């Protein structure tokens, strides 16, 4: 379900790149947190967080690896989809895993839709 439409006339409109730019220009603090699942995402949304990151640190925090290197783009996409289900207002962003974007000339071929 596309939950952003439900909040169109809400007192808590979705955070966008434009929202973040305005906050920066006005010197407002931007609250950000790392998240990996829908349950925690819902809690961060309720707490008023502005930005939620799905980080490649999930390799260590969730998967038990010693580094972030084993994390794949598919892992990031999976966790982004899970986190997105728990969010209404925060802006969702994600890390690009190690070696998925090695140069400016290389383009990501995986679709997140």
N, C-alpha and C. Protein backbone atom coordinates (compact mmCIF):
# COMPACT_ATOMS: atom_id res chain seq x y z
N UNK A 1 0.84 -1.18 0.00
CA UNK A 1 0.00 0.00 0.00
C UNK A 1 0.89 1.24 0.00
N UNK A 2 0.53 2.22 -0.80
CA UNK A 2 1.28 3.47 -0.86
C UNK A 2 0.75 4.40 0.22
N UNK A 3 1.38 4.41 1.36
CA UNK A 3 0.87 5.11 2.53
C UNK A 3 1.04 6.62 2.46
N UNK A 4 1.93 7.13 1.61
CA UNK A 4 2.15 8.57 1.54
C UNK A 4 0.87 9.32 1.16
N UNK A 5 0.03 8.72 0.32
CA UNK A 5 -1.21 9.38 -0.09
C UNK A 5 -2.15 9.59 1.07
N UNK A 6 -2.10 8.71 2.05
CA UNK A 6 -2.97 8.84 3.22
C UNK A 6 -2.61 10.07 4.04
N UNK A 7 -1.38 10.52 3.94
CA UNK A 7 -0.91 11.65 4.76
C UNK A 7 -0.88 12.96 3.99
N UNK A 8 -1.45 13.00 2.81
CA UNK A 8 -1.38 14.20 1.97
C UNK A 8 -1.85 15.45 2.71
N UNK A 9 -2.94 15.37 3.43
CA UNK A 9 -3.48 16.53 4.16
C UNK A 9 -3.20 16.43 5.66
N UNK A 10 -2.27 15.59 6.01
CA UNK A 10 -1.94 15.36 7.41
C UNK A 10 -1.09 16.49 7.98
N UNK A 11 -1.12 16.62 9.30
CA UNK A 11 -0.24 17.57 9.98
C UNK A 11 1.20 17.05 9.95
N UNK A 12 1.37 15.78 9.58
CA UNK A 12 2.69 15.17 9.48
C UNK A 12 2.94 14.74 8.03
N UNK A 13 3.17 15.68 7.13
CA UNK A 13 3.39 15.30 5.73
C UNK A 13 4.70 14.53 5.58
N UNK A 14 4.81 13.72 4.54
CA UNK A 14 6.04 12.95 4.32
C UNK A 14 7.26 13.86 4.16
N UNK A 15 8.39 13.39 4.64
CA UNK A 15 9.66 14.10 4.47
C UNK A 15 10.17 13.80 3.06
N UNK A 16 10.54 14.85 2.35
CA UNK A 16 11.08 14.72 1.00
C UNK A 16 12.46 15.34 0.95
N UNK A 17 13.12 15.24 -0.19
CA UNK A 17 14.41 15.91 -0.36
C UNK A 17 14.24 17.41 -0.17
N UNK A 18 13.13 17.94 -0.68
CA UNK A 18 12.84 19.37 -0.49
C UNK A 18 12.68 19.73 0.98
N UNK A 19 12.01 18.87 1.73
CA UNK A 19 11.84 19.08 3.17
C UNK A 19 13.21 19.14 3.86
N UNK A 20 14.07 18.19 3.51
CA UNK A 20 15.40 18.13 4.13
C UNK A 20 16.23 19.36 3.75
N UNK A 21 16.12 19.79 2.50
CA UNK A 21 16.86 20.98 2.05
C UNK A 21 16.40 22.21 2.85
N UNK A 22 15.09 22.36 3.00
CA UNK A 22 14.54 23.49 3.76
C UNK A 22 15.00 23.44 5.21
N UNK A 23 14.96 22.25 5.81
CA UNK A 23 15.39 22.10 7.20
C UNK A 23 16.84 22.52 7.36
N UNK A 24 17.68 22.12 6.42
CA UNK A 24 19.11 22.48 6.47
C UNK A 24 19.29 23.99 6.34
N UNK A 25 18.59 24.59 5.37
CA UNK A 25 18.70 26.03 5.15
C UNK A 25 18.24 26.83 6.36
N UNK A 26 17.23 26.33 7.07
CA UNK A 26 16.70 27.03 8.23
C UNK A 26 17.40 26.65 9.53
N UNK A 27 18.42 25.80 9.42
CA UNK A 27 19.19 25.41 10.60
C UNK A 27 18.45 24.47 11.54
N UNK A 28 17.41 23.81 11.04
CA UNK A 28 16.68 22.85 11.87
C UNK A 28 17.49 21.57 12.01
N UNK A 29 17.36 20.94 13.15
CA UNK A 29 18.00 19.65 13.36
C UNK A 29 17.24 18.58 12.58
N UNK A 30 17.98 17.61 12.01
CA UNK A 30 17.40 16.51 11.27
C UNK A 30 17.71 15.23 12.04
N UNK A 31 16.65 14.56 12.47
CA UNK A 31 16.82 13.32 13.23
C UNK A 31 16.89 12.13 12.27
N UNK A 32 17.92 11.30 12.45
CA UNK A 32 18.12 10.15 11.58
C UNK A 32 18.47 8.93 12.42
N UNK A 33 18.07 7.76 11.92
CA UNK A 33 18.37 6.51 12.61
C UNK A 33 18.48 5.38 11.59
N UNK A 34 19.23 4.35 11.95
CA UNK A 34 19.35 3.17 11.10
C UNK A 34 18.30 2.16 11.52
N UNK A 35 17.72 1.48 10.54
CA UNK A 35 16.61 0.57 10.80
C UNK A 35 16.68 -0.58 9.81
N UNK A 36 16.21 -1.77 10.21
CA UNK A 36 16.28 -2.94 9.34
C UNK A 36 14.97 -3.70 9.18
N UNK A 37 13.90 -3.33 9.94
CA UNK A 37 12.65 -4.08 9.83
C UNK A 37 11.43 -3.18 10.02
N UNK A 38 10.27 -3.70 9.68
CA UNK A 38 9.03 -2.92 9.70
C UNK A 38 8.62 -2.52 11.12
N UNK A 39 8.82 -3.38 12.09
CA UNK A 39 8.41 -3.07 13.47
C UNK A 39 9.18 -1.88 14.02
N UNK A 40 10.49 -1.91 13.86
CA UNK A 40 11.31 -0.80 14.35
C UNK A 40 11.03 0.46 13.52
N UNK A 41 10.76 0.30 12.23
CA UNK A 41 10.44 1.44 11.38
C UNK A 41 9.19 2.16 11.89
N UNK A 42 8.18 1.39 12.27
CA UNK A 42 6.95 1.99 12.79
C UNK A 42 7.22 2.77 14.07
N UNK A 43 8.09 2.26 14.92
CA UNK A 43 8.45 2.97 16.15
C UNK A 43 9.20 4.26 15.85
N UNK A 44 10.10 4.21 14.88
CA UNK A 44 10.87 5.42 14.54
C UNK A 44 9.95 6.48 13.93
N UNK A 45 8.99 6.03 13.14
CA UNK A 45 8.02 6.96 12.56
C UNK A 45 7.23 7.64 13.67
N UNK A 46 6.73 6.84 14.60
CA UNK A 46 5.95 7.37 15.72
C UNK A 46 6.76 8.35 16.57
N UNK A 47 8.07 8.13 16.65
CA UNK A 47 8.95 8.99 17.44
C UNK A 47 9.27 10.31 16.74
N UNK A 48 8.91 10.42 15.46
CA UNK A 48 9.13 11.68 14.75
C UNK A 48 10.46 11.79 14.04
N UNK A 49 11.11 10.67 13.78
CA UNK A 49 12.38 10.68 13.07
C UNK A 49 12.16 11.19 11.65
N UNK A 50 13.12 11.95 11.13
CA UNK A 50 13.01 12.53 9.79
C UNK A 50 13.55 11.63 8.69
N UNK A 51 14.67 10.94 8.97
CA UNK A 51 15.34 10.12 7.97
C UNK A 51 15.63 8.75 8.56
N UNK A 52 15.32 7.71 7.80
CA UNK A 52 15.62 6.34 8.21
C UNK A 52 16.58 5.74 7.18
N UNK A 53 17.68 5.19 7.66
CA UNK A 53 18.70 4.58 6.81
C UNK A 53 18.67 3.07 6.95
N UNK A 54 18.65 2.39 5.82
CA UNK A 54 18.92 0.95 5.81
C UNK A 54 20.40 0.86 5.45
N UNK A 55 21.22 0.57 6.43
CA UNK A 55 22.66 0.58 6.24
C UNK A 55 23.24 -0.79 5.97
N UNK A 56 24.39 -0.79 5.32
CA UNK A 56 25.06 -2.07 5.07
C UNK A 56 25.62 -2.66 6.36
N UNK A 57 25.52 -1.90 7.45
CA UNK A 57 25.90 -2.44 8.75
C UNK A 57 24.99 -3.60 9.15
N UNK A 58 23.92 -3.83 8.39
CA UNK A 58 23.07 -4.99 8.67
C UNK A 58 23.88 -6.28 8.55
N UNK A 59 24.98 -6.25 7.82
CA UNK A 59 25.85 -7.42 7.72
C UNK A 59 26.37 -7.85 9.08
N UNK A 60 26.67 -6.88 9.92
CA UNK A 60 27.18 -7.19 11.26
C UNK A 60 26.04 -7.28 12.28
N UNK A 61 25.09 -6.34 12.21
CA UNK A 61 24.02 -6.27 13.21
C UNK A 61 23.00 -7.38 13.05
N UNK A 62 22.62 -7.69 11.82
CA UNK A 62 21.57 -8.68 11.57
C UNK A 62 22.14 -10.04 11.16
N UNK A 63 23.13 -10.03 10.25
CA UNK A 63 23.63 -11.27 9.68
C UNK A 63 24.79 -11.90 10.46
N UNK A 64 25.40 -11.15 11.37
CA UNK A 64 26.46 -11.71 12.20
C UNK A 64 27.84 -11.77 11.58
N UNK A 65 28.06 -11.04 10.48
CA UNK A 65 29.38 -11.01 9.85
C UNK A 65 30.32 -10.09 10.63
N UNK A 66 31.60 -10.22 10.34
CA UNK A 66 32.59 -9.34 10.97
C UNK A 66 32.72 -8.00 10.26
N UNK A 67 32.26 -7.94 9.00
CA UNK A 67 32.35 -6.71 8.20
C UNK A 67 31.06 -6.53 7.40
N UNK A 68 31.00 -5.43 6.68
CA UNK A 68 29.85 -5.16 5.81
C UNK A 68 30.05 -5.74 4.42
N UNK A 69 31.21 -6.25 4.12
CA UNK A 69 31.54 -6.71 2.76
C UNK A 69 30.59 -7.77 2.20
N UNK A 70 30.13 -8.76 2.99
CA UNK A 70 29.24 -9.78 2.42
C UNK A 70 27.83 -9.28 2.06
N UNK A 71 27.45 -8.07 2.47
CA UNK A 71 26.12 -7.56 2.20
C UNK A 71 25.96 -7.29 0.70
N UNK A 72 24.87 -7.80 0.14
CA UNK A 72 24.61 -7.62 -1.30
C UNK A 72 23.52 -6.56 -1.50
N UNK A 73 23.40 -6.13 -2.72
CA UNK A 73 22.34 -5.18 -3.06
C UNK A 73 20.97 -5.81 -2.81
N UNK A 74 20.85 -7.09 -3.05
CA UNK A 74 19.58 -7.78 -2.80
C UNK A 74 19.22 -7.75 -1.31
N UNK A 75 20.20 -7.87 -0.43
CA UNK A 75 19.94 -7.77 1.01
C UNK A 75 19.40 -6.38 1.34
N UNK A 76 20.04 -5.35 0.80
CA UNK A 76 19.62 -3.97 1.05
C UNK A 76 18.19 -3.75 0.54
N UNK A 77 17.91 -4.24 -0.65
CA UNK A 77 16.56 -4.09 -1.22
C UNK A 77 15.53 -4.78 -0.34
N UNK A 78 15.82 -6.00 0.11
CA UNK A 78 14.91 -6.74 0.98
C UNK A 78 14.59 -5.93 2.23
N UNK A 79 15.62 -5.42 2.90
CA UNK A 79 15.40 -4.67 4.13
C UNK A 79 14.73 -3.32 3.88
N UNK A 80 15.01 -2.69 2.74
CA UNK A 80 14.31 -1.45 2.38
C UNK A 80 12.82 -1.69 2.23
N UNK A 81 12.47 -2.78 1.58
CA UNK A 81 11.05 -3.11 1.41
C UNK A 81 10.39 -3.34 2.77
N UNK A 82 11.06 -4.05 3.65
CA UNK A 82 10.51 -4.31 4.98
C UNK A 82 10.35 -3.02 5.77
N UNK A 83 11.37 -2.18 5.77
CA UNK A 83 11.33 -0.91 6.50
C UNK A 83 10.24 0.00 5.93
N UNK A 84 10.14 0.06 4.61
CA UNK A 84 9.15 0.93 3.98
C UNK A 84 7.73 0.61 4.42
N UNK A 85 7.46 -0.65 4.73
CA UNK A 85 6.12 -1.03 5.18
C UNK A 85 5.76 -0.43 6.53
N UNK A 86 6.76 -0.07 7.32
CA UNK A 86 6.50 0.51 8.63
C UNK A 86 6.58 2.02 8.67
N UNK A 87 6.90 2.64 7.56
CA UNK A 87 7.08 4.10 7.53
C UNK A 87 5.91 4.81 6.87
N UNK A 88 5.58 5.99 7.39
CA UNK A 88 4.62 6.88 6.76
C UNK A 88 5.31 8.21 6.43
N UNK A 89 5.96 8.82 7.42
CA UNK A 89 6.51 10.15 7.26
C UNK A 89 8.00 10.20 6.92
N UNK A 90 8.86 9.43 7.55
CA UNK A 90 10.31 9.62 7.34
C UNK A 90 10.76 9.35 5.90
N UNK A 91 11.84 10.02 5.54
CA UNK A 91 12.51 9.80 4.26
C UNK A 91 13.36 8.54 4.40
N UNK A 92 13.22 7.61 3.49
CA UNK A 92 13.98 6.35 3.54
C UNK A 92 15.17 6.44 2.59
N UNK A 93 16.34 6.13 3.10
CA UNK A 93 17.52 6.06 2.24
C UNK A 93 18.30 4.80 2.57
N UNK A 94 19.19 4.41 1.65
CA UNK A 94 19.91 3.15 1.82
C UNK A 94 21.36 3.29 1.41
N UNK A 95 22.20 2.50 2.05
CA UNK A 95 23.60 2.39 1.65
C UNK A 95 23.70 1.59 0.37
N UNK A 96 24.71 1.88 -0.40
CA UNK A 96 25.08 1.03 -1.54
C UNK A 96 26.15 0.08 -1.00
N UNK A 97 25.92 -1.22 -1.08
CA UNK A 97 26.90 -2.18 -0.55
C UNK A 97 28.24 -2.09 -1.27
N UNK A 98 29.23 -2.62 -0.61
CA UNK A 98 30.60 -2.64 -1.11
C UNK A 98 30.66 -3.15 -2.55
N UNK A 99 31.30 -2.40 -3.41
CA UNK A 99 31.56 -2.74 -4.82
C UNK A 99 30.32 -2.79 -5.71
N UNK A 100 29.19 -2.22 -5.28
CA UNK A 100 28.01 -2.21 -6.16
C UNK A 100 28.00 -0.99 -7.07
N UNK A 101 28.81 0.00 -6.76
CA UNK A 101 28.88 1.19 -7.59
C UNK A 101 30.34 1.64 -7.60
N UNK A 102 31.11 1.01 -8.45
CA UNK A 102 32.56 1.19 -8.41
C UNK A 102 33.07 2.44 -9.12
N UNK A 103 32.27 3.01 -10.01
CA UNK A 103 32.70 4.23 -10.70
C UNK A 103 31.49 5.02 -11.15
N UNK A 104 31.73 6.28 -11.53
CA UNK A 104 30.63 7.13 -11.98
C UNK A 104 30.04 6.63 -13.29
N UNK A 105 30.81 5.87 -14.05
CA UNK A 105 30.31 5.39 -15.34
C UNK A 105 29.45 4.13 -15.21
N UNK A 106 29.54 3.45 -14.08
CA UNK A 106 28.75 2.23 -13.88
C UNK A 106 27.40 2.58 -13.28
N UNK A 107 26.36 2.03 -13.80
CA UNK A 107 25.00 2.30 -13.31
C UNK A 107 24.42 1.05 -12.65
N UNK A 108 23.66 1.27 -11.61
CA UNK A 108 22.98 0.17 -10.92
C UNK A 108 21.91 -0.41 -11.84
N UNK A 109 21.90 -1.72 -12.01
CA UNK A 109 20.97 -2.38 -12.92
C UNK A 109 19.75 -2.96 -12.19
N UNK A 110 19.78 -3.02 -10.86
CA UNK A 110 18.71 -3.63 -10.10
C UNK A 110 17.62 -2.61 -9.81
N UNK A 111 16.38 -2.99 -10.01
CA UNK A 111 15.26 -2.10 -9.73
C UNK A 111 14.73 -2.40 -8.33
N UNK A 112 14.41 -1.40 -7.59
CA UNK A 112 13.94 -1.55 -6.22
C UNK A 112 12.41 -1.60 -6.12
N UNK A 113 11.74 -1.50 -7.22
CA UNK A 113 10.27 -1.45 -7.19
C UNK A 113 9.65 -2.78 -6.86
